[in-house]
Amino acid sequence: MAKLDPSQIGKLLTVGEVAARSGVAVSAIHFYEAKGLIESQRNQGNQRRYHRDVLRRVAVIKVAQRIGISLASIHDALVKLPDGRTPNAADWAELSHGWKAELDERIATLTQLRDQLSGCIGCGCLSLELCKLRNPLDALSEQGAGPRLLE
């Protein structure tokens, strides 16, 4: 692993450098910036330049997205950081704890869907015998169209 040249520590990164270092496409970096998840400065040529700590923010965004957290939830969490600073280990612990309930709910929903998938799609149309028990006289139709028991 190459060591960082100390003279490079304060150097601002180009969007290409951020993309290469983070493993995220340039278009995604631009998208994250448009959504207010990261910030850049503009140089005299109006080109984007990023502080090195944006790499940690991008890593947090990537991990959160990978576990299924929406960009809106990521944004809401990141804007709560003091002065919009880059998350540290304590911040990550708090962010991840905050997302745990959201993930637990999603896991429960997916587990229910998995367990009911072969016998019922939520409205009983694949199992007319069970439908009499779960949805007598098609009472669920009053709640709207589509599968109602899985929502």
N, C-alpha and C. Protein backbone atom coordinates (compact mmCIF):
# COMPACT_ATOMS: atom_id res chain seq x y z
N MET A 1 0.84 -1.17 0.00
CA MET A 1 0.00 0.00 0.00
C MET A 1 0.89 1.24 0.00
N ALA A 2 0.63 2.14 -0.93
CA ALA A 2 1.43 3.35 -1.03
C ALA A 2 1.04 4.33 0.06
N LYS A 3 2.05 4.97 0.63
CA LYS A 3 1.79 5.97 1.66
C LYS A 3 1.41 7.28 1.00
N LEU A 4 0.53 8.01 1.69
CA LEU A 4 0.12 9.32 1.21
C LEU A 4 1.26 10.30 1.41
N ASP A 5 1.61 11.00 0.37
CA ASP A 5 2.62 12.04 0.45
C ASP A 5 2.08 13.15 1.34
N PRO A 6 2.78 13.52 2.41
CA PRO A 6 2.28 14.55 3.33
C PRO A 6 1.90 15.86 2.64
N SER A 7 2.53 16.16 1.53
CA SER A 7 2.19 17.39 0.82
C SER A 7 0.82 17.32 0.16
N GLN A 8 0.25 16.11 0.07
CA GLN A 8 -1.05 15.93 -0.58
C GLN A 8 -2.22 16.00 0.40
N ILE A 9 -1.93 16.05 1.71
CA ILE A 9 -2.99 15.97 2.72
C ILE A 9 -4.02 17.09 2.56
N GLY A 10 -3.60 18.32 2.34
CA GLY A 10 -4.54 19.43 2.21
C GLY A 10 -5.05 19.64 0.80
N LYS A 11 -4.56 18.88 -0.15
CA LYS A 11 -4.93 19.04 -1.56
C LYS A 11 -6.38 18.65 -1.77
N LEU A 12 -7.08 19.50 -2.51
CA LEU A 12 -8.45 19.18 -2.88
C LEU A 12 -8.45 18.15 -4.00
N LEU A 13 -9.46 17.30 -4.00
CA LEU A 13 -9.56 16.23 -4.99
C LEU A 13 -10.49 16.62 -6.13
N THR A 14 -10.17 16.16 -7.31
CA THR A 14 -11.07 16.34 -8.45
C THR A 14 -12.19 15.31 -8.34
N VAL A 15 -13.24 15.51 -9.11
CA VAL A 15 -14.34 14.54 -9.09
C VAL A 15 -13.86 13.17 -9.57
N GLY A 16 -12.94 13.15 -10.51
CA GLY A 16 -12.37 11.88 -10.99
C GLY A 16 -11.58 11.18 -9.91
N GLU A 17 -10.83 11.94 -9.12
CA GLU A 17 -10.06 11.35 -8.02
C GLU A 17 -11.00 10.79 -6.94
N VAL A 18 -12.06 11.53 -6.63
CA VAL A 18 -13.04 11.04 -5.65
C VAL A 18 -13.68 9.75 -6.16
N ALA A 19 -14.05 9.75 -7.43
CA ALA A 19 -14.67 8.56 -8.01
C ALA A 19 -13.72 7.37 -7.96
N ALA A 20 -12.48 7.57 -8.35
CA ALA A 20 -11.50 6.47 -8.35
C ALA A 20 -11.23 5.96 -6.94
N ARG A 21 -11.07 6.87 -5.99
CA ARG A 21 -10.78 6.47 -4.61
C ARG A 21 -11.96 5.80 -3.92
N SER A 22 -13.18 6.23 -4.26
CA SER A 22 -14.36 5.72 -3.56
C SER A 22 -15.00 4.53 -4.26
N GLY A 23 -14.65 4.31 -5.53
CA GLY A 23 -15.26 3.23 -6.28
C GLY A 23 -16.67 3.56 -6.76
N VAL A 24 -16.97 4.84 -6.82
CA VAL A 24 -18.29 5.31 -7.24
C VAL A 24 -18.12 6.07 -8.55
N ALA A 25 -19.07 5.91 -9.46
CA ALA A 25 -19.00 6.60 -10.75
C ALA A 25 -19.06 8.12 -10.57
N VAL A 26 -18.43 8.83 -11.49
CA VAL A 26 -18.47 10.29 -11.47
C VAL A 26 -19.92 10.78 -11.45
N SER A 27 -20.78 10.14 -12.23
CA SER A 27 -22.19 10.56 -12.26
C SER A 27 -22.84 10.40 -10.89
N ALA A 28 -22.45 9.37 -10.14
CA ALA A 28 -23.00 9.18 -8.79
C ALA A 28 -22.49 10.28 -7.85
N ILE A 29 -21.23 10.67 -7.99
CA ILE A 29 -20.69 11.76 -7.18
C ILE A 29 -21.48 13.03 -7.45
N HIS A 30 -21.74 13.32 -8.71
CA HIS A 30 -22.54 14.50 -9.07
C HIS A 30 -23.96 14.38 -8.49
N PHE A 31 -24.52 13.19 -8.57
CA PHE A 31 -25.88 12.94 -8.05
C PHE A 31 -25.91 13.16 -6.53
N TYR A 32 -24.94 12.61 -5.82
CA TYR A 32 -24.89 12.80 -4.37
C TYR A 32 -24.80 14.29 -4.01
N GLU A 33 -24.03 15.01 -4.81
CA GLU A 33 -23.90 16.45 -4.55
C GLU A 33 -25.22 17.17 -4.83
N ALA A 34 -25.88 16.80 -5.91
CA ALA A 34 -27.18 17.41 -6.25
C ALA A 34 -28.22 17.14 -5.17
N LYS A 35 -28.11 16.00 -4.51
CA LYS A 35 -29.05 15.63 -3.44
C LYS A 35 -28.65 16.20 -2.08
N GLY A 36 -27.53 16.92 -2.03
CA GLY A 36 -27.10 17.54 -0.78
C GLY A 36 -26.40 16.59 0.18
N LEU A 37 -25.93 15.45 -0.32
CA LEU A 37 -25.25 14.48 0.54
C LEU A 37 -23.77 14.81 0.72
N ILE A 38 -23.18 15.44 -0.28
CA ILE A 38 -21.79 15.87 -0.23
C ILE A 38 -21.70 17.28 -0.79
N GLU A 39 -20.56 17.92 -0.55
CA GLU A 39 -20.35 19.29 -1.04
C GLU A 39 -19.02 19.38 -1.76
N SER A 40 -18.96 20.32 -2.68
CA SER A 40 -17.70 20.61 -3.35
C SER A 40 -17.49 22.12 -3.35
N GLN A 41 -16.29 22.49 -3.72
CA GLN A 41 -15.96 23.89 -3.97
C GLN A 41 -15.70 24.00 -5.45
N ARG A 42 -15.76 25.19 -5.97
CA ARG A 42 -15.43 25.41 -7.37
C ARG A 42 -14.11 26.16 -7.45
N ASN A 43 -13.26 25.71 -8.38
CA ASN A 43 -12.00 26.43 -8.55
C ASN A 43 -12.22 27.58 -9.54
N GLN A 44 -11.13 28.27 -9.90
CA GLN A 44 -11.26 29.41 -10.80
C GLN A 44 -11.80 29.02 -12.17
N GLY A 45 -11.58 27.78 -12.56
CA GLY A 45 -12.11 27.29 -13.84
C GLY A 45 -13.51 26.70 -13.70
N ASN A 46 -14.14 26.89 -12.55
CA ASN A 46 -15.48 26.40 -12.24
C ASN A 46 -15.56 24.88 -12.20
N GLN A 47 -14.43 24.24 -11.91
CA GLN A 47 -14.42 22.78 -11.77
C GLN A 47 -14.61 22.42 -10.31
N ARG A 48 -15.30 21.29 -10.09
CA ARG A 48 -15.55 20.83 -8.72
C ARG A 48 -14.24 20.36 -8.08
N ARG A 49 -14.10 20.69 -6.79
CA ARG A 49 -12.99 20.20 -5.99
C ARG A 49 -13.56 19.80 -4.63
N TYR A 50 -13.07 18.67 -4.12
CA TYR A 50 -13.60 18.09 -2.89
C TYR A 50 -12.50 17.97 -1.85
N HIS A 51 -12.87 18.23 -0.60
CA HIS A 51 -11.95 17.95 0.50
C HIS A 51 -11.85 16.44 0.64
N ARG A 52 -10.71 15.98 1.09
CA ARG A 52 -10.43 14.55 1.21
C ARG A 52 -11.44 13.82 2.10
N ASP A 53 -12.01 14.52 3.08
CA ASP A 53 -12.96 13.86 3.98
C ASP A 53 -14.28 13.48 3.30
N VAL A 54 -14.48 13.94 2.07
CA VAL A 54 -15.68 13.52 1.33
C VAL A 54 -15.64 12.01 1.07
N LEU A 55 -14.45 11.43 1.07
CA LEU A 55 -14.33 9.99 0.85
C LEU A 55 -15.04 9.19 1.94
N ARG A 56 -14.96 9.67 3.18
CA ARG A 56 -15.65 8.99 4.28
C ARG A 56 -17.16 9.14 4.13
N ARG A 57 -17.61 10.33 3.74
CA ARG A 57 -19.05 10.53 3.52
C ARG A 57 -19.56 9.60 2.43
N VAL A 58 -18.83 9.49 1.35
CA VAL A 58 -19.23 8.61 0.25
C VAL A 58 -19.26 7.16 0.74
N ALA A 59 -18.29 6.77 1.57
CA ALA A 59 -18.29 5.40 2.11
C ALA A 59 -19.55 5.16 2.95
N VAL A 60 -19.92 6.12 3.78
CA VAL A 60 -21.14 5.99 4.59
C VAL A 60 -22.36 5.86 3.68
N ILE A 61 -22.42 6.68 2.65
CA ILE A 61 -23.55 6.64 1.71
C ILE A 61 -23.63 5.27 1.03
N LYS A 62 -22.47 4.77 0.57
CA LYS A 62 -22.45 3.48 -0.11
C LYS A 62 -22.91 2.34 0.80
N VAL A 63 -22.41 2.32 2.04
CA VAL A 63 -22.80 1.26 2.98
C VAL A 63 -24.29 1.35 3.28
N ALA A 64 -24.76 2.56 3.55
CA ALA A 64 -26.18 2.74 3.86
C ALA A 64 -27.06 2.30 2.70
N GLN A 65 -26.69 2.68 1.48
CA GLN A 65 -27.46 2.26 0.31
C GLN A 65 -27.43 0.74 0.16
N ARG A 66 -26.30 0.15 0.39
CA ARG A 66 -26.16 -1.30 0.22
C ARG A 66 -27.07 -2.07 1.18
N ILE A 67 -27.31 -1.53 2.37
CA ILE A 67 -28.20 -2.21 3.30
C ILE A 67 -29.66 -1.78 3.12
N GLY A 68 -29.91 -0.96 2.10
CA GLY A 68 -31.29 -0.63 1.75
C GLY A 68 -31.84 0.65 2.32
N ILE A 69 -30.99 1.51 2.85
CA ILE A 69 -31.46 2.79 3.39
C ILE A 69 -31.66 3.75 2.21
N SER A 70 -32.77 4.44 2.23
CA SER A 70 -33.09 5.37 1.14
C SER A 70 -32.17 6.59 1.19
N LEU A 71 -31.99 7.23 0.05
CA LEU A 71 -31.17 8.44 0.02
C LEU A 71 -31.78 9.53 0.89
N ALA A 72 -33.11 9.57 0.97
CA ALA A 72 -33.77 10.57 1.83
C ALA A 72 -33.39 10.35 3.29
N SER A 73 -33.39 9.08 3.74
CA SER A 73 -33.00 8.78 5.12
C SER A 73 -31.52 9.08 5.36
N ILE A 74 -30.70 8.78 4.37
CA ILE A 74 -29.27 9.08 4.48
C ILE A 74 -29.07 10.59 4.61
N HIS A 75 -29.75 11.34 3.76
CA HIS A 75 -29.66 12.80 3.80
C HIS A 75 -30.08 13.33 5.16
N ASP A 76 -31.23 12.86 5.64
CA ASP A 76 -31.74 13.32 6.94
C ASP A 76 -30.74 13.04 8.06
N ALA A 77 -30.09 11.90 8.00
CA ALA A 77 -29.11 11.55 9.03
C ALA A 77 -27.86 12.42 8.92
N LEU A 78 -27.38 12.64 7.71
CA LEU A 78 -26.14 13.40 7.52
C LEU A 78 -26.31 14.88 7.87
N VAL A 79 -27.49 15.43 7.60
CA VAL A 79 -27.67 16.86 7.91
C VAL A 79 -27.75 17.12 9.41
N LYS A 80 -27.96 16.08 10.20
CA LYS A 80 -28.01 16.23 11.66
C LYS A 80 -26.61 16.33 12.27
N LEU A 81 -25.59 16.02 11.49
CA LEU A 81 -24.22 16.11 12.00
C LEU A 81 -23.85 17.58 12.21
N PRO A 82 -23.17 17.90 13.30
CA PRO A 82 -22.79 19.30 13.55
C PRO A 82 -21.97 19.87 12.40
N ASP A 83 -22.37 21.02 11.95
CA ASP A 83 -21.67 21.74 10.88
C ASP A 83 -21.50 20.91 9.61
N GLY A 84 -22.35 19.90 9.42
CA GLY A 84 -22.26 19.08 8.22
C GLY A 84 -20.94 18.33 8.09
N ARG A 85 -20.28 18.10 9.22
CA ARG A 85 -18.95 17.48 9.16
C ARG A 85 -19.04 16.02 8.73
N THR A 86 -17.88 15.48 8.43
CA THR A 86 -17.79 14.10 8.03
C THR A 86 -18.00 13.19 9.23
N PRO A 87 -18.77 12.11 9.06
CA PRO A 87 -19.04 11.22 10.19
C PRO A 87 -17.77 10.55 10.72
N ASN A 88 -17.67 10.48 12.04
CA ASN A 88 -16.59 9.74 12.67
C ASN A 88 -17.16 8.43 13.20
N ALA A 89 -16.37 7.67 13.95
CA ALA A 89 -16.82 6.36 14.44
C ALA A 89 -18.05 6.49 15.34
N ALA A 90 -18.07 7.49 16.21
CA ALA A 90 -19.21 7.69 17.11
C ALA A 90 -20.46 8.06 16.30
N ASP A 91 -20.28 8.90 15.28
CA ASP A 91 -21.41 9.28 14.43
C ASP A 91 -21.95 8.06 13.70
N TRP A 92 -21.04 7.21 13.19
CA TRP A 92 -21.48 6.01 12.47
C TRP A 92 -22.29 5.11 13.40
N ALA A 93 -21.83 4.97 14.65
CA ALA A 93 -22.57 4.14 15.60
C ALA A 93 -23.98 4.68 15.80
N GLU A 94 -24.11 6.00 15.88
CA GLU A 94 -25.43 6.61 16.06
C GLU A 94 -26.28 6.49 14.79
N LEU A 95 -25.67 6.73 13.64
CA LEU A 95 -26.40 6.62 12.37
C LEU A 95 -26.90 5.19 12.18
N SER A 96 -26.02 4.23 12.38
CA SER A 96 -26.40 2.84 12.15
C SER A 96 -27.46 2.38 13.16
N HIS A 97 -27.37 2.86 14.39
CA HIS A 97 -28.38 2.53 15.40
C HIS A 97 -29.74 3.09 14.96
N GLY A 98 -29.74 4.30 14.44
CA GLY A 98 -30.97 4.92 13.97
C GLY A 98 -31.61 4.17 12.82
N TRP A 99 -30.80 3.55 11.99
CA TRP A 99 -31.32 2.80 10.84
C TRP A 99 -31.73 1.38 11.21
N LYS A 100 -31.35 0.92 12.40
CA LYS A 100 -31.65 -0.45 12.79
C LYS A 100 -33.14 -0.73 12.80
N ALA A 101 -33.95 0.17 13.34
CA ALA A 101 -35.41 -0.03 13.40
C ALA A 101 -35.99 -0.13 11.99
N GLU A 102 -35.51 0.72 11.11
CA GLU A 102 -35.97 0.69 9.71
C GLU A 102 -35.63 -0.65 9.07
N LEU A 103 -34.43 -1.15 9.32
CA LEU A 103 -34.02 -2.43 8.77
C LEU A 103 -34.80 -3.59 9.40
N ASP A 104 -35.02 -3.53 10.71
CA ASP A 104 -35.79 -4.57 11.38
C ASP A 104 -37.21 -4.66 10.80
N GLU A 105 -37.81 -3.51 10.55
CA GLU A 105 -39.16 -3.49 9.96
C GLU A 105 -39.14 -4.10 8.55
N ARG A 106 -38.14 -3.75 7.77
CA ARG A 106 -38.03 -4.28 6.42
C ARG A 106 -37.80 -5.79 6.45
N ILE A 107 -36.97 -6.26 7.38
CA ILE A 107 -36.71 -7.70 7.52
C ILE A 107 -37.99 -8.43 7.89
N ALA A 108 -38.77 -7.87 8.82
CA ALA A 108 -40.03 -8.50 9.22
C ALA A 108 -41.00 -8.58 8.05
N THR A 109 -41.07 -7.52 7.26
CA THR A 109 -41.96 -7.51 6.10
C THR A 109 -41.51 -8.55 5.07
N LEU A 110 -40.21 -8.61 4.82
CA LEU A 110 -39.70 -9.58 3.85
C LEU A 110 -39.88 -11.01 4.35
N THR A 111 -39.71 -11.22 5.63
CA THR A 111 -39.92 -12.56 6.21
C THR A 111 -41.38 -12.97 6.04
N GLN A 112 -42.30 -12.07 6.34
CA GLN A 112 -43.73 -12.35 6.16
C GLN A 112 -44.03 -12.65 4.69
N LEU A 113 -43.48 -11.85 3.80
CA LEU A 113 -43.70 -12.06 2.37
C LEU A 113 -43.16 -13.43 1.95
N ARG A 114 -41.95 -13.75 2.38
CA ARG A 114 -41.35 -15.05 2.05
C ARG A 114 -42.21 -16.20 2.54
N ASP A 115 -42.68 -16.10 3.78
CA ASP A 115 -43.44 -17.19 4.39
C ASP A 115 -44.83 -17.35 3.78
N GLN A 116 -45.40 -16.29 3.25
CA GLN A 116 -46.73 -16.37 2.66
C GLN A 116 -46.72 -16.49 1.14
N LEU A 117 -45.57 -16.34 0.55
CA LEU A 117 -45.48 -16.23 -0.90
C LEU A 117 -46.05 -17.43 -1.65
N SER A 118 -45.79 -18.63 -1.20
CA SER A 118 -46.23 -19.79 -1.96
C SER A 118 -47.73 -20.07 -1.81
N GLY A 119 -48.34 -19.58 -0.73
CA GLY A 119 -49.76 -19.89 -0.51
C GLY A 119 -50.70 -18.75 -0.76
N CYS A 120 -50.21 -17.53 -0.70
CA CYS A 120 -51.11 -16.39 -0.79
C CYS A 120 -50.32 -15.17 -1.22
N ILE A 121 -50.88 -14.38 -2.10
CA ILE A 121 -50.20 -13.15 -2.49
C ILE A 121 -50.82 -11.93 -1.82
N GLY A 122 -51.57 -12.19 -0.74
CA GLY A 122 -52.08 -11.08 0.04
C GLY A 122 -53.56 -10.82 -0.17
N CYS A 123 -54.10 -11.32 -1.24
CA CYS A 123 -55.53 -11.13 -1.46
C CYS A 123 -56.24 -12.48 -1.56
N GLY A 124 -55.48 -13.58 -1.49
CA GLY A 124 -56.06 -14.91 -1.45
C GLY A 124 -56.36 -15.51 -2.80
N CYS A 125 -56.03 -14.85 -3.87
CA CYS A 125 -56.46 -15.34 -5.18
C CYS A 125 -55.73 -16.61 -5.63
N LEU A 126 -54.65 -17.00 -4.92
CA LEU A 126 -53.98 -18.26 -5.26
C LEU A 126 -54.49 -19.42 -4.41
N SER A 127 -55.29 -19.13 -3.39
CA SER A 127 -55.77 -20.18 -2.50
C SER A 127 -57.21 -19.85 -2.09
N LEU A 128 -58.15 -20.30 -2.88
CA LEU A 128 -59.54 -19.96 -2.61
C LEU A 128 -60.04 -20.55 -1.30
N GLU A 129 -59.47 -21.69 -0.87
CA GLU A 129 -59.88 -22.27 0.41
C GLU A 129 -59.44 -21.37 1.57
N LEU A 130 -58.17 -20.94 1.55
CA LEU A 130 -57.69 -20.04 2.60
C LEU A 130 -58.34 -18.68 2.51
N CYS A 131 -58.71 -18.30 1.31
CA CYS A 131 -59.32 -16.99 1.12
C CYS A 131 -60.60 -16.87 1.94
N LYS A 132 -61.33 -17.96 2.09
CA LYS A 132 -62.56 -17.92 2.89
C LYS A 132 -62.26 -17.56 4.34
N LEU A 133 -61.07 -17.95 4.83
CA LEU A 133 -60.70 -17.66 6.21
C LEU A 133 -60.07 -16.27 6.36
N ARG A 134 -59.23 -15.92 5.42
CA ARG A 134 -58.49 -14.66 5.52
C ARG A 134 -59.27 -13.47 5.00
N ASN A 135 -60.15 -13.72 4.05
CA ASN A 135 -60.84 -12.62 3.39
C ASN A 135 -62.28 -13.01 3.07
N PRO A 136 -63.09 -13.31 4.09
CA PRO A 136 -64.46 -13.75 3.82
C PRO A 136 -65.25 -12.66 3.11
N LEU A 137 -66.03 -13.10 2.13
CA LEU A 137 -66.87 -12.21 1.33
C LEU A 137 -66.08 -11.07 0.68
N ASP A 138 -64.79 -11.30 0.46
CA ASP A 138 -63.92 -10.32 -0.19
C ASP A 138 -63.96 -8.96 0.52
N ALA A 139 -63.98 -9.00 1.85
CA ALA A 139 -64.05 -7.76 2.64
C ALA A 139 -62.85 -6.84 2.40
N LEU A 140 -61.71 -7.42 2.04
CA LEU A 140 -60.52 -6.59 1.80
C LEU A 140 -60.66 -5.68 0.59
N SER A 141 -61.59 -5.98 -0.29
CA SER A 141 -61.76 -5.13 -1.47
C SER A 141 -62.16 -3.71 -1.08
N GLU A 142 -62.76 -3.55 0.09
CA GLU A 142 -63.17 -2.22 0.55
C GLU A 142 -61.96 -1.35 0.91
N GLN A 143 -60.79 -1.99 1.13
CA GLN A 143 -59.58 -1.24 1.48
C GLN A 143 -58.82 -0.79 0.25
N GLY A 144 -59.25 -1.19 -0.93
CA GLY A 144 -58.57 -0.76 -2.15
C GLY A 144 -58.12 -1.93 -2.99
N ALA A 145 -57.56 -1.59 -4.12
CA ALA A 145 -57.12 -2.61 -5.08
C ALA A 145 -55.81 -3.24 -4.67
N GLY A 146 -55.54 -4.43 -5.20
CA GLY A 146 -54.26 -5.09 -5.01
C GLY A 146 -54.16 -5.86 -3.72
N PRO A 147 -53.00 -6.50 -3.49
CA PRO A 147 -52.82 -7.31 -2.29
C PRO A 147 -52.83 -6.44 -1.03
N ARG A 148 -53.69 -6.73 -0.09
CA ARG A 148 -53.86 -5.91 1.10
C ARG A 148 -53.18 -6.51 2.33
N LEU A 149 -53.06 -7.83 2.40
CA LEU A 149 -52.56 -8.48 3.62
C LEU A 149 -51.03 -8.36 3.75
N LEU A 150 -50.34 -8.03 2.69
CA LEU A 150 -48.88 -7.98 2.74
C LEU A 150 -48.37 -6.56 2.89
N GLU A 151 -49.22 -5.61 2.97
CA GLU A 151 -48.76 -4.20 3.06
C GLU A 151 -48.74 -3.75 4.49
